[in-house]
Amino acid sequence: MMMVQWMKFRLNRKGQTVVEYALIVALIAIALIATVTAFRAELLRIWQNMVDALAGGV
């Protein structure tokens, strides 16, 4: 009986998959934060240009 339960436990990969997906999401989030931080000044300039263009068009 214990052997059957042990085999079921070893074959259950649902928890492993959830952890893998969580790690992928965490790595994507870290990469996104690093990219935004690296290009912060450029992104702010682009955003301000869009705001100015919209304000001028009104």
Protein backbone atom coordinates (compact mmCIF):
# COMPACT_ATOMS: atom_id res chain seq x y z
CA MET A 1 0.00 0.00 0.00
CA MET A 2 2.78 2.45 0.89
CA MET A 3 4.58 1.62 -2.34
CA VAL A 4 1.51 2.56 -4.39
CA GLN A 5 1.17 5.88 -2.59
CA TRP A 6 4.88 6.57 -3.06
CA MET A 7 4.65 5.86 -6.79
CA LYS A 8 1.62 8.17 -7.13
CA PHE A 9 3.54 10.88 -5.28
CA ARG A 10 6.57 10.48 -7.53
CA LEU A 11 4.48 10.58 -10.70
CA ASN A 12 2.49 13.68 -9.66
CA ARG A 13 4.02 16.62 -11.52
CA LYS A 14 1.31 19.27 -10.98
CA GLY A 15 3.20 21.08 -8.23
CA GLN A 16 6.38 21.05 -10.25
CA THR A 17 4.63 22.63 -13.23
CA VAL A 18 3.16 25.41 -11.10
CA VAL A 19 6.59 26.21 -9.70
CA GLU A 20 8.11 26.28 -13.18
CA TYR A 21 5.43 28.68 -14.43
CA ALA A 22 5.94 30.89 -11.37
CA LEU A 23 9.67 31.03 -12.06
CA ILE A 24 9.07 31.95 -15.70
CA VAL A 25 6.69 34.75 -14.69
CA ALA A 26 9.19 36.01 -12.11
CA LEU A 27 12.01 36.06 -14.66
CA ILE A 28 9.85 37.93 -17.17
CA ALA A 29 8.92 40.47 -14.49
CA ILE A 30 12.58 40.97 -13.54
CA ALA A 31 13.54 41.42 -17.20
CA LEU A 32 10.73 43.93 -17.72
CA ILE A 33 11.71 45.94 -14.64
CA ALA A 34 15.37 45.93 -15.68
CA THR A 35 14.49 47.09 -19.20
CA VAL A 36 12.22 49.89 -18.03
CA THR A 37 14.85 51.01 -15.52
CA ALA A 38 17.59 50.99 -18.15
CA PHE A 39 15.56 53.00 -20.67
CA ARG A 40 13.74 55.20 -18.14
CA ALA A 41 14.89 58.56 -19.52
CA GLU A 42 14.07 57.59 -23.10
CA LEU A 43 10.64 56.25 -22.13
CA LEU A 44 9.85 59.44 -20.20
CA ARG A 45 10.87 61.53 -23.22
CA ILE A 46 8.64 59.49 -25.56
CA TRP A 47 5.73 59.67 -23.10
CA GLN A 48 6.12 63.44 -22.74
CA ASN A 49 6.20 63.85 -26.53
CA MET A 50 2.90 61.94 -26.78
CA VAL A 51 1.34 64.05 -24.02
CA ASP A 52 2.50 67.26 -25.69
CA ALA A 53 1.18 66.10 -29.07
CA LEU A 54 -2.22 65.27 -27.58
CA ALA A 55 -2.40 68.54 -25.64
CA GLY A 56 -1.47 70.52 -28.75
CA GLY A 57 -4.13 68.78 -30.82
CA VAL A 58 -7.01 69.84 -28.57
